[in-house]
Amino acid sequence: MTEEYLSSIHPPLPPTTEEDRFSWLRLLRSRRVGPATFRRLMAEHGSAQNALNALPDVARAAGVNGYEICPAGVIEAELKAAKVAGARLLCLGGPEYPASLAQIDDSPPVLWATGDLSLLHRPMVALVGARNASSLGTRMARALAQDMAAEGYVVVSGLARGIDTAAHEASLKSGTIAVMAGGVDVIYPAENTKLALEIGKTGVRLSEQPMGLSPQARHFPRRNRIISGLAHGVIVVEAAAKSGSLITARDALDQGREVLAVPGHPFDARAAGCNILIRDGAHLVRSAKDVLSALPKRDTYQPSLRQLMAQMPPRPERKTLRETAVLHGQILERLGPSPLAEDQLIRDLAASAGEVGPALVDLELDGKITRQPGGLLSLTP
């Protein structure tokens, strides 16, 4: 991984005015602009407003005709809904944004949050597991959450049924963080409405999704990277061999977090995922003592805005249409349905991140490539 590529993942300077925050939201809510594309556009154009002005031309150069940026009225409605819900907008690089989450490659440019935001700057541990949890699994989740909270950790989970619910309930008094797949004002599942309202008072409800958005299946894997990104480590209590909890564990590994798992009986399908994780090197957890011994002391230092600016990559020189077309073809030739790391693609092309980044934005806007968690790229099916 080249030094230039590493610098490209640092966040842009946060907005300082209401107008800037409006532009950030509008850029991020525009079609086919995800976190990685947002960063690339900001790095190339210097500000969200400049990126918005250039976006139709960027899309046109990528072969997308009639591209329209997100209407201003949509953002006005979102801001109004946030005010009604009492939600705060946290922007990447800003003082309220969680430092641990800012360190991951695909950290959300903005988050909506309700509750006690001071919890976002305390040490955190994630606790996840099966929705159809066993009684033993639920008891274990409660015990771990209570004990970790007593040690000063904030418990992070996803507000789902089963293990997530037990973890939140057990750590409610000390402060817990619920990362939501839909809008921060849309509670899912409905049975956790009372719990979610309590978390909004003593803990934090957090989401990168627009206000009022009902969660859909594709939102949950993206939500999981935030759960692991916030935490120093991820504890999996019960999980099937193919489950969302294992996605969270894989995200944690990609992000350099510790992965821990509670073992289970080989005949219990709900324990299969945990046993697989332990077989592959995850820390075995019997009690909070095992968790505490596995978690490293992490530096919560957040780089200053001046340092972030110095680390931003220089704007790339403009290429001719012919050169751009050739680079697009080279990228598409090297990608397939199986994900490939972006830094590996850059090495294969023998090019710089500054050259490849804008081309990836073009191809993503054109719908030809898809970004996946962990800095991976693949051809769009």
Protein backbone atom coordinates (compact mmCIF):
# COMPACT_ATOMS: atom_id res chain seq x y z
CA MET A 1 0.00 0.00 0.00
CA THR A 2 1.59 3.24 -1.10
CA GLU A 3 1.95 6.29 1.10
CA GLU A 4 -0.03 8.32 -1.43
CA TYR A 5 -2.90 5.87 -1.26
CA LEU A 6 -2.94 6.03 2.53
CA SER A 7 -3.20 9.80 2.44
CA SER A 8 -6.23 9.59 0.19
CA ILE A 9 -8.39 8.08 2.92
CA HIS A 10 -8.08 11.03 5.28
CA PRO A 11 -11.29 13.00 5.71
CA PRO A 12 -11.90 16.44 4.23
CA LEU A 13 -12.10 19.44 6.49
CA PRO A 14 -15.52 19.56 8.20
CA PRO A 15 -18.04 22.24 7.25
CA THR A 16 -18.05 25.36 9.42
CA THR A 17 -21.28 27.06 8.31
CA GLU A 18 -24.90 26.00 7.85
CA GLU A 19 -24.48 26.54 4.12
CA ASP A 20 -21.49 24.18 4.05
CA ARG A 21 -23.39 21.52 6.01
CA PHE A 22 -26.28 21.85 3.59
CA SER A 23 -23.88 21.30 0.65
CA TRP A 24 -22.31 18.28 2.34
CA LEU A 25 -25.70 16.63 2.77
CA ARG A 26 -26.78 17.52 -0.74
CA LEU A 27 -23.63 16.06 -2.26
CA LEU A 28 -23.87 12.86 -0.21
CA ARG A 29 -27.59 12.41 -1.00
CA SER A 30 -26.99 12.78 -4.74
CA ARG A 31 -27.39 9.66 -6.84
CA ARG A 32 -24.49 7.19 -6.77
CA VAL A 33 -22.42 9.28 -4.36
CA GLY A 34 -21.35 7.09 -1.46
CA PRO A 35 -18.70 7.75 1.21
CA ALA A 36 -15.72 6.90 -1.01
CA THR A 37 -17.02 8.90 -3.98
CA PHE A 38 -17.79 11.80 -1.63
CA ARG A 39 -14.17 11.86 -0.47
CA ARG A 40 -12.80 11.67 -3.98
CA LEU A 41 -15.00 14.52 -5.15
CA MET A 42 -14.05 16.64 -2.15
CA ALA A 43 -10.34 15.95 -2.68
CA GLU A 44 -10.56 16.89 -6.35
CA HIS A 45 -12.80 19.94 -6.07
CA GLY A 46 -11.95 21.31 -2.65
CA SER A 47 -15.46 21.89 -1.29
CA ALA A 48 -18.89 20.29 -1.39
CA GLN A 49 -20.36 23.20 -3.34
CA ASN A 50 -17.61 23.02 -5.96
CA ALA A 51 -18.18 19.25 -6.21
CA LEU A 52 -21.92 19.79 -6.64
CA ASN A 53 -21.27 22.29 -9.43
CA ALA A 54 -18.94 19.84 -11.18
CA LEU A 55 -20.97 16.67 -10.59
CA PRO A 56 -23.19 16.86 -13.72
CA ASP A 57 -20.10 17.34 -15.90
CA VAL A 58 -18.28 14.52 -14.10
CA ALA A 59 -21.28 12.25 -14.69
CA ARG A 60 -21.53 13.33 -18.33
CA ALA A 61 -17.83 12.55 -18.88
CA ALA A 62 -18.51 9.12 -17.38
CA GLY A 63 -21.28 8.52 -19.92
CA VAL A 64 -24.24 9.37 -17.67
CA ASN A 65 -26.52 11.85 -19.44
CA GLY A 66 -29.22 13.86 -17.72
CA TYR A 67 -27.66 13.47 -14.28
CA GLU A 68 -29.30 15.64 -11.64
CA ILE A 69 -27.95 16.39 -8.18
CA CYS A 70 -30.16 15.95 -5.13
CA PRO A 71 -32.86 18.67 -5.07
CA ALA A 72 -32.43 21.32 -2.40
CA GLY A 73 -35.97 20.65 -1.16
CA VAL A 74 -35.01 17.10 -0.17
CA ILE A 75 -32.25 18.41 2.09
CA GLU A 76 -34.53 21.09 3.54
CA ALA A 77 -37.06 18.38 4.44
CA GLU A 78 -34.34 16.23 6.02
CA LEU A 79 -33.07 19.11 8.14
CA LYS A 80 -36.61 19.91 9.24
CA ALA A 81 -37.23 16.28 10.24
CA ALA A 82 -33.96 16.26 12.18
CA LYS A 83 -35.01 19.35 14.11
CA VAL A 84 -38.33 17.73 15.04
CA ALA A 85 -36.52 14.56 16.20
CA GLY A 86 -33.87 16.51 18.10
CA ALA A 87 -31.08 14.94 16.01
CA ARG A 88 -27.63 16.47 15.62
CA LEU A 89 -25.58 16.33 12.41
CA LEU A 90 -22.05 15.05 13.00
CA CYS A 91 -19.63 15.70 10.14
CA LEU A 92 -16.44 13.74 9.52
CA GLY A 93 -13.46 15.55 10.99
CA GLY A 94 -15.61 17.64 13.31
CA PRO A 95 -15.13 17.71 17.10
CA GLU A 96 -18.28 15.68 17.85
CA TYR A 97 -17.58 12.95 15.29
CA PRO A 98 -16.26 9.72 16.93
CA ALA A 99 -12.48 9.59 16.51
CA SER A 100 -12.40 5.79 16.26
CA LEU A 101 -14.93 5.74 13.42
CA ALA A 102 -13.06 8.47 11.54
CA GLN A 103 -10.07 6.13 11.28
CA ILE A 104 -11.75 3.53 9.03
CA ASP A 105 -11.43 3.73 5.25
CA ASP A 106 -15.13 4.12 4.46
CA SER A 107 -16.29 6.15 7.46
CA PRO A 108 -19.60 7.95 6.85
CA PRO A 109 -19.13 11.62 5.92
CA VAL A 110 -22.13 12.51 8.08
CA LEU A 111 -24.05 10.91 10.94
CA TRP A 112 -27.35 11.80 12.57
CA ALA A 113 -27.33 11.32 16.35
CA THR A 114 -29.71 11.74 19.25
CA GLY A 115 -28.90 11.47 22.94
CA ASP A 116 -25.79 11.94 25.05
CA LEU A 117 -23.07 12.59 22.47
CA SER A 118 -20.31 12.50 25.10
CA LEU A 119 -20.58 8.70 24.96
CA LEU A 120 -19.10 8.79 21.45
CA HIS A 121 -15.74 9.80 22.94
CA ARG A 122 -15.48 7.08 25.56
CA PRO A 123 -13.92 3.64 24.95
CA MET A 124 -16.44 1.35 23.27
CA VAL A 125 -16.95 -2.35 22.75
CA ALA A 126 -19.45 -3.88 20.33
CA LEU A 127 -21.65 -6.81 21.31
CA VAL A 128 -23.64 -8.56 18.57
CA GLY A 129 -25.27 -11.88 17.90
CA ALA A 130 -28.28 -13.90 16.81
CA ARG A 131 -31.80 -12.51 16.61
CA ASN A 132 -33.22 -15.91 17.60
CA ALA A 133 -30.94 -16.09 20.62
CA SER A 134 -31.10 -18.91 23.14
CA SER A 135 -31.81 -18.21 26.80
CA LEU A 136 -28.18 -18.97 27.63
CA GLY A 137 -26.98 -16.64 24.89
CA THR A 138 -29.20 -13.86 26.15
CA ARG A 139 -27.93 -14.34 29.72
CA MET A 140 -24.34 -14.26 28.49
CA ALA A 141 -24.94 -11.06 26.51
CA ARG A 142 -26.47 -9.37 29.55
CA ALA A 143 -23.62 -10.42 31.81
CA LEU A 144 -20.94 -9.26 29.38
CA ALA A 145 -22.69 -5.94 28.75
CA GLN A 146 -23.11 -5.26 32.48
CA ASP A 147 -19.53 -6.15 33.32
CA MET A 148 -18.00 -4.19 30.42
CA ALA A 149 -20.14 -1.18 31.34
CA ALA A 150 -18.86 -1.47 34.92
CA GLU A 151 -15.32 -1.32 33.53
CA GLY A 152 -16.10 1.99 31.82
CA TYR A 153 -16.86 0.75 28.31
CA VAL A 154 -19.84 1.95 26.29
CA VAL A 155 -21.67 -1.00 24.73
CA VAL A 156 -22.44 -0.66 21.00
CA SER A 157 -24.96 -2.82 19.16
CA GLY A 158 -27.56 -2.74 16.40
CA LEU A 159 -30.94 -2.60 18.22
CA ALA A 160 -31.98 -5.92 16.64
CA ARG A 161 -33.93 -8.63 18.43
CA GLY A 162 -32.14 -11.17 20.60
CA ILE A 163 -28.52 -10.52 21.57
CA ASP A 164 -28.55 -6.84 20.53
CA THR A 165 -31.61 -6.13 22.68
CA ALA A 166 -30.12 -7.90 25.70
CA ALA A 167 -26.86 -5.95 25.35
CA HIS A 168 -28.63 -2.59 25.14
CA GLU A 169 -30.98 -3.33 28.04
CA ALA A 170 -28.15 -4.46 30.32
CA SER A 171 -26.06 -1.34 29.67
CA LEU A 172 -28.88 1.21 29.46
CA LYS A 173 -28.12 2.96 32.75
CA SER A 174 -24.41 3.38 32.03
CA GLY A 175 -24.90 4.43 28.40
CA THR A 176 -25.26 2.39 25.23
CA ILE A 177 -25.10 3.20 21.52
CA ALA A 178 -27.61 1.82 19.01
CA VAL A 179 -26.45 2.01 15.39
CA MET A 180 -29.52 1.96 13.18
CA ALA A 181 -29.89 0.70 9.61
CA GLY A 182 -32.60 3.23 8.72
CA GLY A 183 -33.11 6.82 9.73
CA VAL A 184 -32.32 7.67 13.33
CA ASP A 185 -36.00 8.57 13.76
CA VAL A 186 -37.30 5.26 12.35
CA ILE A 187 -37.30 2.56 15.03
CA TYR A 188 -36.92 -1.02 13.84
CA PRO A 189 -38.06 -3.50 14.99
CA ALA A 190 -41.20 -1.87 16.35
CA GLU A 191 -41.09 -4.06 19.47
CA ASN A 192 -37.95 -2.15 20.54
CA THR A 193 -39.68 1.24 20.44
CA LYS A 194 -39.60 1.74 24.21
CA LEU A 195 -35.97 0.64 24.40
CA ALA A 196 -34.99 2.96 21.54
CA LEU A 197 -36.67 5.92 23.21
CA GLU A 198 -34.79 5.21 26.44
CA ILE A 199 -31.51 4.94 24.53
CA GLY A 200 -32.26 8.33 22.99
CA LYS A 201 -32.28 9.80 26.51
CA THR A 202 -29.40 8.09 28.32
CA GLY A 203 -27.48 6.67 25.38
CA VAL A 204 -27.09 7.45 21.67
CA ARG A 205 -29.06 6.49 18.57
CA LEU A 206 -26.85 6.83 15.51
CA SER A 207 -27.33 6.48 11.74
CA GLU A 208 -25.73 7.54 8.47
CA GLN A 209 -29.04 7.20 6.62
CA PRO A 210 -31.38 10.12 5.82
CA MET A 211 -34.03 11.05 8.34
CA GLY A 212 -37.27 9.14 7.85
CA LEU A 213 -35.73 6.30 5.81
CA SER A 214 -37.15 2.86 6.56
CA PRO A 215 -34.38 0.23 6.73
CA GLN A 216 -33.99 -2.17 3.83
CA ALA A 217 -31.94 -5.36 3.59
CA ARG A 218 -29.00 -3.69 1.84
CA HIS A 219 -28.65 -1.13 4.65
CA PHE A 220 -27.77 -3.64 7.37
CA PRO A 221 -24.32 -4.73 6.09
CA ARG A 222 -23.38 -1.06 5.72
CA ARG A 223 -24.65 -0.41 9.24
CA ASN A 224 -22.44 -3.19 10.58
CA ARG A 225 -19.19 -1.48 9.57
CA ILE A 226 -20.17 1.47 11.79
CA ILE A 227 -20.77 -0.83 14.77
CA SER A 228 -17.31 -2.35 14.44
CA GLY A 229 -15.69 0.96 13.49
CA LEU A 230 -16.82 2.62 16.70
CA ALA A 231 -15.52 -0.13 18.96
CA HIS A 232 -12.12 -1.29 20.19
CA GLY A 233 -13.35 -4.84 19.78
CA VAL A 234 -16.37 -6.85 18.61
CA ILE A 235 -17.80 -9.65 20.77
CA VAL A 236 -20.00 -12.20 18.98
CA VAL A 237 -22.21 -14.11 21.42
CA GLU A 238 -24.27 -16.32 19.11
CA ALA A 239 -24.19 -16.42 15.31
CA ALA A 240 -25.05 -18.87 12.57
CA ALA A 241 -22.43 -19.83 10.01
CA LYS A 242 -23.88 -17.25 7.60
CA SER A 243 -25.15 -14.24 9.50
CA GLY A 244 -24.92 -10.48 9.80
CA SER A 245 -22.84 -10.88 12.96
CA LEU A 246 -20.09 -12.54 10.94
CA ILE A 247 -20.19 -9.61 8.51
CA THR A 248 -19.58 -7.34 11.50
CA ALA A 249 -16.68 -9.58 12.56
CA ARG A 250 -15.14 -9.42 9.08
CA ASP A 251 -15.52 -5.64 9.08
CA ALA A 252 -13.76 -5.56 12.45
CA LEU A 253 -10.83 -7.55 11.07
CA ASP A 254 -10.57 -5.23 8.06
CA GLN A 255 -10.57 -2.24 10.42
CA GLY A 256 -7.90 -3.65 12.72
CA ARG A 257 -10.29 -4.26 15.62
CA GLU A 258 -10.14 -7.21 17.98
CA VAL A 259 -12.63 -10.02 17.29
CA LEU A 260 -13.90 -12.08 20.21
CA ALA A 261 -16.45 -14.89 20.35
CA VAL A 262 -18.33 -16.92 22.92
CA PRO A 263 -18.03 -20.66 22.15
CA GLY A 264 -21.10 -22.87 21.87
CA HIS A 265 -22.12 -26.50 21.51
CA PRO A 266 -21.19 -28.00 18.11
CA PHE A 267 -24.76 -29.26 17.64
CA ASP A 268 -26.26 -25.77 18.11
CA ALA A 269 -26.49 -23.96 14.75
CA ARG A 270 -26.61 -20.65 16.58
CA ALA A 271 -23.06 -21.30 17.81
CA ALA A 272 -21.59 -22.35 14.47
CA GLY A 273 -20.43 -18.87 13.51
CA CYS A 274 -18.77 -18.25 16.88
CA ASN A 275 -16.98 -21.59 16.76
CA ILE A 276 -15.74 -20.81 13.25
CA LEU A 277 -14.40 -17.45 14.43
CA ILE A 278 -12.55 -19.07 17.34
CA ARG A 279 -11.13 -21.74 15.03
CA ASP A 280 -9.84 -18.98 12.77
CA GLY A 281 -8.15 -17.04 15.57
CA ALA A 282 -10.79 -14.99 17.39
CA HIS A 283 -10.32 -14.61 21.15
CA LEU A 284 -12.36 -17.10 23.14
CA VAL A 285 -14.65 -15.36 25.65
CA ARG A 286 -15.89 -16.92 28.90
CA SER A 287 -16.33 -13.70 30.84
CA ALA A 288 -15.55 -9.99 30.73
CA LYS A 289 -12.06 -10.80 32.06
CA ASP A 290 -11.26 -12.50 28.75
CA VAL A 291 -12.48 -9.42 26.87
CA LEU A 292 -10.45 -7.00 28.99
CA SER A 293 -7.26 -9.04 28.56
CA ALA A 294 -7.72 -9.10 24.77
CA LEU A 295 -8.52 -5.42 24.22
CA PRO A 296 -5.45 -3.26 23.59
CA LYS A 297 -5.05 0.19 25.01
CA ARG A 298 -5.96 2.34 22.04
CA ASP A 299 -4.96 5.91 21.38
CA THR A 300 -8.07 8.02 20.92
CA TYR A 301 -6.07 10.94 19.57
CA GLN A 302 -7.80 12.63 16.67
CA PRO A 303 -5.58 14.47 14.16
CA SER A 304 -5.98 18.22 14.02
CA LEU A 305 -7.67 19.84 11.06
CA ARG A 306 -4.35 21.35 9.98
CA GLN A 307 -2.74 17.90 9.91
CA LEU A 308 -5.68 16.46 7.97
CA MET A 309 -5.30 19.23 5.40
CA ALA A 310 -1.59 18.53 5.05
CA GLN A 311 -2.31 14.85 4.47
CA MET A 312 -4.85 15.44 1.72
CA PRO A 313 -3.58 14.32 -1.70
CA PRO A 314 -2.86 16.98 -4.31
CA ARG A 315 -5.44 17.49 -7.00
CA PRO A 316 -4.62 15.34 -10.02
CA GLU A 317 -3.80 16.84 -13.38
CA ARG A 318 -6.63 16.70 -15.92
CA LYS A 319 -6.33 13.91 -18.48
CA THR A 320 -7.50 14.03 -22.06
CA LEU A 321 -10.67 12.13 -22.97
CA ARG A 322 -8.57 9.52 -24.78
CA GLU A 323 -6.28 9.01 -21.77
CA THR A 324 -9.30 8.78 -19.48
CA ALA A 325 -10.99 6.20 -21.72
CA VAL A 326 -7.82 4.08 -21.77
CA LEU A 327 -7.56 4.20 -17.96
CA HIS A 328 -11.24 3.27 -17.61
CA GLY A 329 -10.67 0.25 -19.84
CA GLN A 330 -7.61 -0.84 -17.86
CA ILE A 331 -9.54 -0.66 -14.61
CA LEU A 332 -12.51 -2.63 -15.93
CA GLU A 333 -10.18 -5.32 -17.37
CA ARG A 334 -8.67 -5.91 -13.94
CA LEU A 335 -11.96 -6.06 -12.03
CA GLY A 336 -14.46 -8.88 -11.94
CA PRO A 337 -17.28 -10.17 -9.74
CA SER A 338 -14.78 -11.08 -6.98
CA PRO A 339 -13.75 -8.04 -4.89
CA LEU A 340 -10.26 -6.59 -5.36
CA ALA A 341 -8.54 -4.22 -2.93
CA GLU A 342 -8.21 -0.69 -4.28
CA ASP A 343 -4.54 -0.44 -3.31
CA GLN A 344 -3.86 -3.72 -5.17
CA LEU A 345 -5.60 -2.30 -8.25
CA ILE A 346 -3.42 0.81 -8.05
CA ARG A 347 -0.28 -1.34 -7.86
CA ASP A 348 -1.45 -3.50 -10.78
CA LEU A 349 -1.98 -0.38 -12.89
CA ALA A 350 1.44 1.02 -11.89
CA ALA A 351 -0.31 4.35 -11.41
CA SER A 352 -0.78 6.79 -8.56
CA ALA A 353 -3.84 7.08 -6.34
CA GLY A 354 -4.29 10.62 -7.61
CA GLU A 355 -4.63 9.31 -11.17
CA VAL A 356 -6.85 6.32 -10.41
CA GLY A 357 -9.18 8.01 -7.88
CA PRO A 358 -11.08 10.28 -10.31
CA ALA A 359 -11.44 7.40 -12.78
CA LEU A 360 -13.01 5.25 -10.06
CA VAL A 361 -15.46 8.07 -9.31
CA ASP A 362 -16.40 8.19 -13.00
CA LEU A 363 -16.97 4.44 -13.16
CA GLU A 364 -18.95 4.39 -9.91
CA LEU A 365 -21.21 7.20 -11.11
CA ASP A 366 -21.69 5.30 -14.34
CA GLY A 367 -22.76 2.24 -12.33
CA LYS A 368 -19.99 0.05 -13.77
CA ILE A 369 -18.18 -0.66 -10.50
CA THR A 370 -19.33 -1.15 -6.91
CA ARG A 371 -17.47 -0.26 -3.74
CA GLN A 372 -17.65 -2.73 -0.87
CA PRO A 373 -16.60 -2.51 2.80
CA GLY A 374 -12.89 -2.71 3.49
CA GLY A 375 -11.75 -0.71 0.46
CA LEU A 376 -12.75 -3.43 -2.04
CA LEU A 377 -13.95 -2.94 -5.62
CA SER A 378 -15.83 -5.19 -8.02
CA LEU A 379 -17.71 -4.97 -11.29
CA THR A 380 -21.38 -4.14 -10.86
CA PRO A 381 -23.49 -7.28 -11.56
